[in-house]
PDB file of N, CA and C in Angstrom:
ATOM      1  N   MET A   1      19.202   1.624  -8.975  1.00  0.00           N
ATOM      2  CA  MET A   1      19.182   0.761  -7.547  1.00  0.00           C
ATOM      3  C   MET A   1      17.813   0.306  -7.358  1.00  0.00           C
ATOM      4  N   PRO A   2      17.464  -0.959  -6.878  1.00  0.00           N
ATOM      5  CA  PRO A   2      16.603  -1.610  -6.427  1.00  0.00           C
ATOM      6  C   PRO A   2      15.620  -0.790  -5.669  1.00  0.00           C
ATOM      7  N   ILE A   3      14.081  -1.074  -5.801  1.00  0.00           N
ATOM      8  CA  ILE A   3      13.136  -0.163  -4.808  1.00  0.00           C
ATOM      9  C   ILE A   3      12.536  -1.813  -3.678  1.00  0.00           C
ATOM     10  N   PHE A   4      12.785  -1.905  -2.505  1.00  0.00           N
ATOM     11  CA  PHE A   4      12.410  -2.597  -1.604  1.00  0.00           C
ATOM     12  C   PHE A   4      10.866  -2.077  -0.922  1.00  0.00           C
ATOM     13  N   GLU A   5      10.573  -3.137  -0.388  1.00  0.00           N
ATOM     14  CA  GLU A   5       9.264  -2.840   0.013  1.00  0.00           C
ATOM     15  C   GLU A   5       9.696  -3.469   1.646  1.00  0.00           C
ATOM     16  N   TYR A   6       8.899  -2.949   2.624  1.00  0.00           N
ATOM     17  CA  TYR A   6       9.316  -2.699   3.842  1.00  0.00           C
ATOM     18  C   TYR A   6       7.826  -2.732   4.860  1.00  0.00           C
ATOM     19  N   LYS A   7       7.937  -3.543   5.904  1.00  0.00           N
ATOM     20  CA  LYS A   7       6.844  -3.132   7.119  1.00  0.00           C
ATOM     21  C   LYS A   7       7.425  -2.940   8.240  1.00  0.00           C
ATOM     22  N   CYS A   8       7.041  -1.696   9.077  1.00  0.00           N
ATOM     23  CA  CYS A   8       7.239  -1.542  10.291  1.00  0.00           C
ATOM     24  C   CYS A   8       6.877  -2.545  11.239  1.00  0.00           C
ATOM     25  N   ARG A   9       7.791  -3.266  12.228  1.00  0.00           N
ATOM     26  CA  ARG A   9       7.242  -4.239  13.175  1.00  0.00           C
ATOM     27  C   ARG A   9       6.560  -3.431  14.196  1.00  0.00           C
ATOM     28  N   ASP A  10       6.469  -2.155  14.333  1.00  0.00           N
ATOM     29  CA  ASP A  10       6.263  -1.031  15.771  1.00  0.00           C
ATOM     30  C   ASP A  10       5.021  -0.624  15.299  1.00  0.00           C
ATOM     31  N   CYS A  11       4.800  -0.140  14.150  1.00  0.00           N
ATOM     32  CA  CYS A  11       3.212   0.488  13.985  1.00  0.00           C
ATOM     33  C   CYS A  11       2.337  -0.001  12.770  1.00  0.00           C
ATOM     34  N   GLY A  12       3.144  -0.923  12.117  1.00  0.00           N
ATOM     35  CA  GLY A  12       2.616  -1.871  11.107  1.00  0.00           C
ATOM     36  C   GLY A  12       2.452  -1.100   9.923  1.00  0.00           C
ATOM     37  N   THR A  13       3.072   0.195   9.659  1.00  0.00           N
ATOM     38  CA  THR A  13       3.108   0.858   8.321  1.00  0.00           C
ATOM     39  C   THR A  13       4.033   0.390   7.144  1.00  0.00           C
ATOM     40  N   LYS A  14       3.412  -0.112   5.897  1.00  0.00           N
ATOM     41  CA  LYS A  14       3.967  -0.468   4.650  1.00  0.00           C
ATOM     42  C   LYS A  14       4.316   0.712   3.860  1.00  0.00           C
ATOM     43  N   PHE A  15       6.007   0.395   3.379  1.00  0.00           N
ATOM     44  CA  PHE A  15       6.472   1.214   2.650  1.00  0.00           C
ATOM     45  C   PHE A  15       7.615   0.896   1.309  1.00  0.00           C
ATOM     46  N   GLU A  16       7.875   1.752   0.462  1.00  0.00           N
ATOM     47  CA  GLU A  16       9.053   1.502  -0.292  1.00  0.00           C
ATOM     48  C   GLU A  16      10.035   2.419  -0.355  1.00  0.00           C
ATOM     49  N   LYS A  17      11.243   1.698  -0.393  1.00  0.00           N
ATOM     50  CA  LYS A  17      12.124   2.229  -0.204  1.00  0.00           C
ATOM     51  C   LYS A  17      13.946   2.449  -1.323  1.00  0.00           C
ATOM     52  N   ILE A  18      13.952   2.957  -2.041  1.00  0.00           N
ATOM     53  CA  ILE A  18      15.185   2.692  -3.041  1.00  0.00           C
ATOM     54  C   ILE A  18      16.245   2.489  -2.223  1.00  0.00           C
ATOM     55  N   VAL A  19      17.012   1.537  -2.216  1.00  0.00           N
ATOM     56  CA  VAL A  19      18.303   1.372  -1.384  1.00  0.00           C
ATOM     57  C   VAL A  19      19.267   1.319  -2.543  1.00  0.00           C
ATOM     58  N   ALA A  20      20.412   2.137  -1.999  1.00  0.00           N
ATOM     59  CA  ALA A  20      21.840   1.972  -2.853  1.00  0.00           C
ATOM     60  C   ALA A  20      22.298   0.517  -2.557  1.00  0.00           C
ATOM     61  N   SER A  21      22.640  -0.002  -1.210  1.00  0.00           N
ATOM     62  CA  SER A  21      23.510  -0.975  -0.781  1.00  0.00           C
ATOM     63  C   SER A  21      22.741  -1.765   0.246  1.00  0.00           C
ATOM     64  N   SER A  22      23.504  -2.821   0.448  1.00  0.00           N
ATOM     65  CA  SER A  22      22.915  -3.686   1.678  1.00  0.00           C
ATOM     66  C   SER A  22      23.436  -3.169   2.912  1.00  0.00           C
ATOM     67  N   GLN A  23      24.425  -1.718   2.626  1.00  0.00           N
ATOM     68  CA  GLN A  23      24.517  -1.130   4.097  1.00  0.00           C
ATOM     69  C   GLN A  23      23.999   0.148   4.501  1.00  0.00           C
ATOM     70  N   THR A  24      22.751   0.365   3.642  1.00  0.00           N
ATOM     71  CA  THR A  24      21.972   1.186   3.963  1.00  0.00           C
ATOM     72  C   THR A  24      20.814   1.028   4.702  1.00  0.00           C
ATOM     73  N   GLU A  25      20.936   1.706   6.118  1.00  0.00           N
ATOM     74  CA  GLU A  25      19.975   1.722   7.160  1.00  0.00           C
ATOM     75  C   GLU A  25      18.442   2.390   6.873  1.00  0.00           C
ATOM     76  N   VAL A  26      17.640   1.294   7.166  1.00  0.00           N
ATOM     77  CA  VAL A  26      16.197   1.431   6.779  1.00  0.00           C
ATOM     78  C   VAL A  26      15.440   2.002   8.017  1.00  0.00           C
ATOM     79  N   VAL A  27      14.575   2.820   7.980  1.00  0.00           N
ATOM     80  CA  VAL A  27      13.994   3.239   9.165  1.00  0.00           C
ATOM     81  C   VAL A  27      12.468   3.128   8.672  1.00  0.00           C
ATOM     82  N   CYS A  28      11.586   3.145   9.282  1.00  0.00           N
ATOM     83  CA  CYS A  28      10.154   3.543   9.361  1.00  0.00           C
ATOM     84  C   CYS A  28       9.902   5.138   8.922  1.00  0.00           C
ATOM     85  N   LYS A  29       9.019   5.239   7.501  1.00  0.00           N
ATOM     86  CA  LYS A  29       8.685   6.339   7.294  1.00  0.00           C
ATOM     87  C   LYS A  29       7.764   7.232   8.300  1.00  0.00           C
ATOM     88  N   LYS A  30       6.907   6.435   9.171  1.00  0.00           N
ATOM     89  CA  LYS A  30       5.947   7.003   9.930  1.00  0.00           C
ATOM     90  C   LYS A  30       6.342   7.246  11.211  1.00  0.00           C
ATOM     91  N   CYS A  31       7.241   6.340  11.881  1.00  0.00           N
ATOM     92  CA  CYS A  31       7.478   6.331  13.479  1.00  0.00           C
ATOM     93  C   CYS A  31       9.334   6.291  13.569  1.00  0.00           C
ATOM     94  N   GLU A  32      10.028   6.150  12.171  1.00  0.00           N
ATOM     95  CA  GLU A  32      11.618   6.334  12.250  1.00  0.00           C
ATOM     96  C   GLU A  32      11.958   5.246  12.851  1.00  0.00           C
ATOM     97  N   SER A  33      11.169   4.119  13.472  1.00  0.00           N
ATOM     98  CA  SER A  33      11.701   3.047  13.999  1.00  0.00           C
ATOM     99  C   SER A  33      12.496   1.824  13.069  1.00  0.00           C
ATOM    100  N   PRO A  34      13.652   1.644  13.118  1.00  0.00           N
ATOM    101  CA  PRO A  34      14.707   0.517  12.891  1.00  0.00           C
ATOM    102  C   PRO A  34      14.069  -0.480  12.849  1.00  0.00           C
ATOM    103  N   ARG A  35      12.458  -0.761  13.380  1.00  0.00           N
ATOM    104  CA  ARG A  35      12.536  -2.243  13.625  1.00  0.00           C
ATOM    105  C   ARG A  35      11.594  -2.682  12.308  1.00  0.00           C
ATOM    106  N   VAL A  36      12.023  -2.661  11.547  1.00  0.00           N
ATOM    107  CA  VAL A  36      11.536  -3.030  10.038  1.00  0.00           C
ATOM    108  C   VAL A  36      11.894  -4.601   9.462  1.00  0.00           C
ATOM    109  N   GLU A  37      10.807  -4.714   8.732  1.00  0.00           N
ATOM    110  CA  GLU A  37      11.135  -6.209   8.004  1.00  0.00           C
ATOM    111  C   GLU A  37      10.792  -6.181   6.584  1.00  0.00           C
ATOM    112  N   GLN A  38      11.843  -6.344   5.527  1.00  0.00           N
ATOM    113  CA  GLN A  38      11.624  -6.291   4.202  1.00  0.00           C
ATOM    114  C   GLN A  38      10.932  -7.538   3.718  1.00  0.00           C
ATOM    115  N   LEU A  39      10.182  -7.401   2.718  1.00  0.00           N
ATOM    116  CA  LEU A  39       8.673  -8.182   2.263  1.00  0.00           C
ATOM    117  C   LEU A  39       9.237  -8.517   0.922  1.00  0.00           C
ATOM    118  N   LEU A  40       7.958  -9.569   0.599  1.00  0.00           N
ATOM    119  CA  LEU A  40       8.782 -10.383  -0.506  1.00  0.00           C
ATOM    120  C   LEU A  40       7.881  -9.332  -1.697  1.00  0.00           C
ATOM    121  N   SER A  41       8.489  -9.035  -2.888  1.00  0.00           N
ATOM    122  CA  SER A  41       8.053  -8.369  -3.834  1.00  0.00           C
ATOM    123  C   SER A  41       7.965  -9.412  -4.807  1.00  0.00           C
ATOM    124  N   VAL A  42       7.013  -8.871  -5.625  1.00  0.00           N
ATOM    125  CA  VAL A  42       6.874  -9.675  -7.077  1.00  0.00           C
ATOM    126  C   VAL A  42       7.419  -8.533  -8.211  1.00  0.00           C
ATOM    127  N   PHE A  43       8.140  -9.096  -9.160  1.00  0.00           N
ATOM    128  CA  PHE A  43       8.219  -8.444 -10.275  1.00  0.00           C
ATOM    129  C   PHE A  43       7.623  -8.269 -11.453  1.00  0.00           C
ATOM    130  N   ALA A  44       7.182  -7.142 -11.872  1.00  0.00           N
ATOM    131  CA  ALA A  44       6.445  -6.960 -13.087  1.00  0.00           C
ATOM    132  C   ALA A  44       6.645  -6.103 -14.048  1.00  0.00           C
ATOM    133  N   VAL A  45       6.164  -6.588 -15.232  1.00  0.00           N
ATOM    134  CA  VAL A  45       6.517  -5.773 -16.429  1.00  0.00           C
ATOM    135  C   VAL A  45       5.263  -5.561 -16.948  1.00  0.00           C
ATOM    136  N   ALA A  46       5.345  -3.889 -17.378  1.00  0.00           N
ATOM    137  CA  ALA A  46       4.456  -3.475 -17.871  1.00  0.00           C
ATOM    138  C   ALA A  46       4.634  -3.382 -19.472  1.00  0.00           C
ATOM    139  N   GLY A  47       3.349  -3.575 -20.319  1.00  0.00           N
ATOM    140  CA  GLY A  47       3.206  -3.682 -21.631  1.00  0.00           C
ATOM    141  C   GLY A  47       2.465  -5.004 -22.139  1.00  0.00           C
ATOM    142  N   SER A  48       2.859  -4.955 -23.245  1.00  0.00           N
ATOM    143  CA  SER A  48       2.095  -6.170 -23.959  1.00  0.00           C
ATOM    144  C   SER A  48       2.682  -6.528 -24.917  1.00  0.00           C
ATOM    145  N   SER A  49       2.368  -8.038 -25.878  1.00  0.00           N
ATOM    146  CA  SER A  49       2.819  -8.155 -26.704  1.00  0.00           C
ATOM    147  C   SER A  49       2.361  -8.078 -28.004  1.00  0.00           C
ATOM    148  N   ARG A  50       3.132  -8.067 -29.067  1.00  0.00           N
ATOM    149  CA  ARG A  50       2.523  -7.862 -30.102  1.00  0.00           C
ATOM    150  C   ARG A  50       1.193  -8.554 -30.543  1.00  0.00           C
ATOM    151  N   ALA A  51       1.324 -10.001 -30.237  1.00  0.00           N
ATOM    152  CA  ALA A  51       0.241 -10.596 -30.460  1.00  0.00           C
ATOM    153  C   ALA A  51      -1.069 -10.192 -29.614  1.00  0.00           C
ATOM    154  N   ALA A  52      -0.788  -9.822 -28.797  1.00  0.00           N
ATOM    155  CA  ALA A  52      -2.145  -9.239 -27.827  1.00  0.00           C
ATOM    156  C   ALA A  52      -2.603  -8.068 -28.504  1.00  0.00           C
ATOM    157  N   ALA A  53      -1.707  -7.244 -28.819  1.00  0.00           N
ATOM    158  CA  ALA A  53      -2.019  -6.052 -29.071  1.00  0.00           C
ATOM    159  C   ALA A  53      -2.912  -6.304 -31.025  1.00  0.00           C
ATOM    160  N   LYS A  54      -2.431  -7.233 -31.784  1.00  0.00           N
ATOM    161  CA  LYS A  54      -3.129  -7.733 -32.868  1.00  0.00           C
ATOM    162  C   LYS A  54      -4.692  -8.262 -32.701  1.00  0.00           C
ATOM    163  N   ALA A  55      -5.204  -8.804 -31.443  1.00  0.00           N
ATOM    164  CA  ALA A  55      -6.021  -9.460 -31.171  1.00  0.00           C
ATOM    165  C   ALA A  55      -6.671  -8.417 -30.830  1.00  0.00           C
ATOM    166  N   GLU A  56      -6.694  -7.036 -30.360  1.00  0.00           N
ATOM    167  CA  GLU A  56      -7.208  -5.650 -30.237  1.00  0.00           C
ATOM    168  C   GLU A  56      -7.739  -5.172 -31.450  1.00  0.00           C
ATOM    169  N   GLU A  57      -7.101  -5.215 -32.575  1.00  0.00           N
ATOM    170  CA  GLU A  57      -7.146  -4.522 -33.640  1.00  0.00           C
ATOM    171  C   GLU A  57      -8.503  -4.890 -34.391  1.00  0.00           C
ATOM    172  N   GLY A  58      -8.911  -4.018 -35.214  1.00  0.00           N
ATOM    173  CA  GLY A  58      -9.973  -4.331 -36.393  1.00  0.00           C
ATOM    174  C   GLY A  58      -9.782  -5.018 -37.450  1.00  0.00           C
ATOM    175  N   PRO A  59     -10.462  -4.974 -38.430  1.00  0.00           N
ATOM    176  CA  PRO A  59     -10.351  -5.778 -39.572  1.00  0.00           C
ATOM    177  C   PRO A  59      -9.358  -5.306 -40.215  1.00  0.00           C
ATOM    178  N   CYS A  60      -9.183  -3.772 -40.370  1.00  0.00           N
ATOM    179  CA  CYS A  60      -8.696  -3.050 -41.322  1.00  0.00           C
ATOM    180  C   CYS A  60      -7.344  -3.138 -40.285  1.00  0.00           C
ATOM    181  N   GLY A  61      -7.192  -3.429 -39.195  1.00  0.00           N
ATOM    182  CA  GLY A  61      -5.712  -3.295 -38.311  1.00  0.00           C
ATOM    183  C   GLY A  61      -5.286  -1.814 -37.956  1.00  0.00           C
ATOM    184  N   ALA A  62      -6.522  -0.830 -37.942  1.00  0.00           N
ATOM    185  CA  ALA A  62      -5.934   0.779 -37.608  1.00  0.00           C
ATOM    186  C   ALA A  62      -6.738   0.549 -36.550  1.00  0.00           C
ATOM    187  N   CYS A  63      -7.505   0.291 -35.614  1.00  0.00           N
ATOM    188  CA  CYS A  63      -8.377   0.679 -34.671  1.00  0.00           C
ATOM    189  C   CYS A  63      -9.203  -0.534 -34.229  1.00  0.00           C
ATOM    190  N   GLY A  64     -10.084  -0.382 -33.903  1.00  0.00           N
ATOM    191  CA  GLY A  64     -10.864  -1.315 -32.857  1.00  0.00           C
ATOM    192  C   GLY A  64     -12.199  -1.467 -33.455  1.00  0.00           C
ATOM    193  N   ALA A  65     -12.526  -1.165 -34.620  1.00  0.00           N
ATOM    194  CA  ALA A  65     -13.909  -1.020 -35.206  1.00  0.00           C
ATOM    195  C   ALA A  65     -14.705  -2.358 -35.585  1.00  0.00           C
ATOM    196  N   ALA A  66     -15.573  -2.665 -35.346  1.00  0.00           N
ATOM    197  CA  ALA A  66     -16.112  -4.467 -35.823  1.00  0.00           C
ATOM    198  C   ALA A  66     -15.863  -4.432 -37.042  1.00  0.00           C
ATOM    199  N   ARG A  67     -16.307  -3.279 -37.976  1.00  0.00           N
ATOM    200  CA  ARG A  67     -16.417  -3.387 -39.496  1.00  0.00           C
ATOM    201  C   ARG A  67     -15.491  -2.604 -40.329  1.00  0.00           C
ATOM    202  N   ARG A  68     -14.788  -2.791 -41.504  1.00  0.00           N
ATOM    203  CA  ARG A  68     -14.237  -1.868 -42.186  1.00  0.00           C
ATOM    204  C   ARG A  68     -14.947  -0.864 -42.552  1.00  0.00           C
ATOM    205  N   GLY A  69     -14.592   0.623 -42.401  1.00  0.00           N
ATOM    206  CA  GLY A  69     -15.058   1.874 -42.792  1.00  0.00           C
ATOM    207  C   GLY A  69     -16.275   2.500 -41.166  1.00  0.00           C
ATOM    208  N   MET A  70     -15.930   1.752 -40.457  1.00  0.00           N
ATOM    209  CA  MET A  70     -16.837   2.003 -38.986  1.00  0.00           C
ATOM    210  C   MET A  70     -15.768   2.827 -37.960  1.00  0.00           C
ATOM    211  N   CYS A  71     -14.561   3.209 -38.652  1.00  0.00           N
ATOM    212  CA  CYS A  71     -13.536   4.146 -37.776  1.00  0.00           C
ATOM    213  C   CYS A  71     -14.170   5.216 -36.799  1.00  0.00           C
ATOM    214  N   GLN A  72     -14.093   5.885 -36.150  1.00  0.00           N
ATOM    215  CA  GLN A  72     -14.329   7.063 -35.581  1.00  0.00           C
ATOM    216  C   GLN A  72     -13.495   7.669 -35.251  1.00  0.00           C
ATOM    217  N   GLY A  73     -13.484   9.115 -35.445  1.00  0.00           N
ATOM    218  CA  GLY A  73     -12.189   9.990 -35.153  1.00  0.00           C
ATOM    219  C   GLY A  73     -10.969   9.543 -35.952  1.00  0.00           C
ATOM    220  N   MET A  74     -10.920   8.512 -36.792  1.00  0.00           N
ATOM    221  CA  MET A  74      -9.365   8.533 -37.353  1.00  0.00           C
ATOM    222  C   MET A  74      -9.320   9.244 -38.680  1.00  0.00           C
TER     223      MET A  74
END
């Protein structure tokens, strides 16, 4: 089920709501007004690529030490 962002036109509160279908009535979480507008949401993905992870590795590829043999706590 998608999560949508809304803003109440009466009190200005911004909130998120999981919406099961387009038939679901959305009301403000603060003042319970049905006068809400759906905001434009940005899709985001968390994580990193293997290339980015490789750039952060140290010379031996195990930690982030500047030189081989300088690993701390490994």
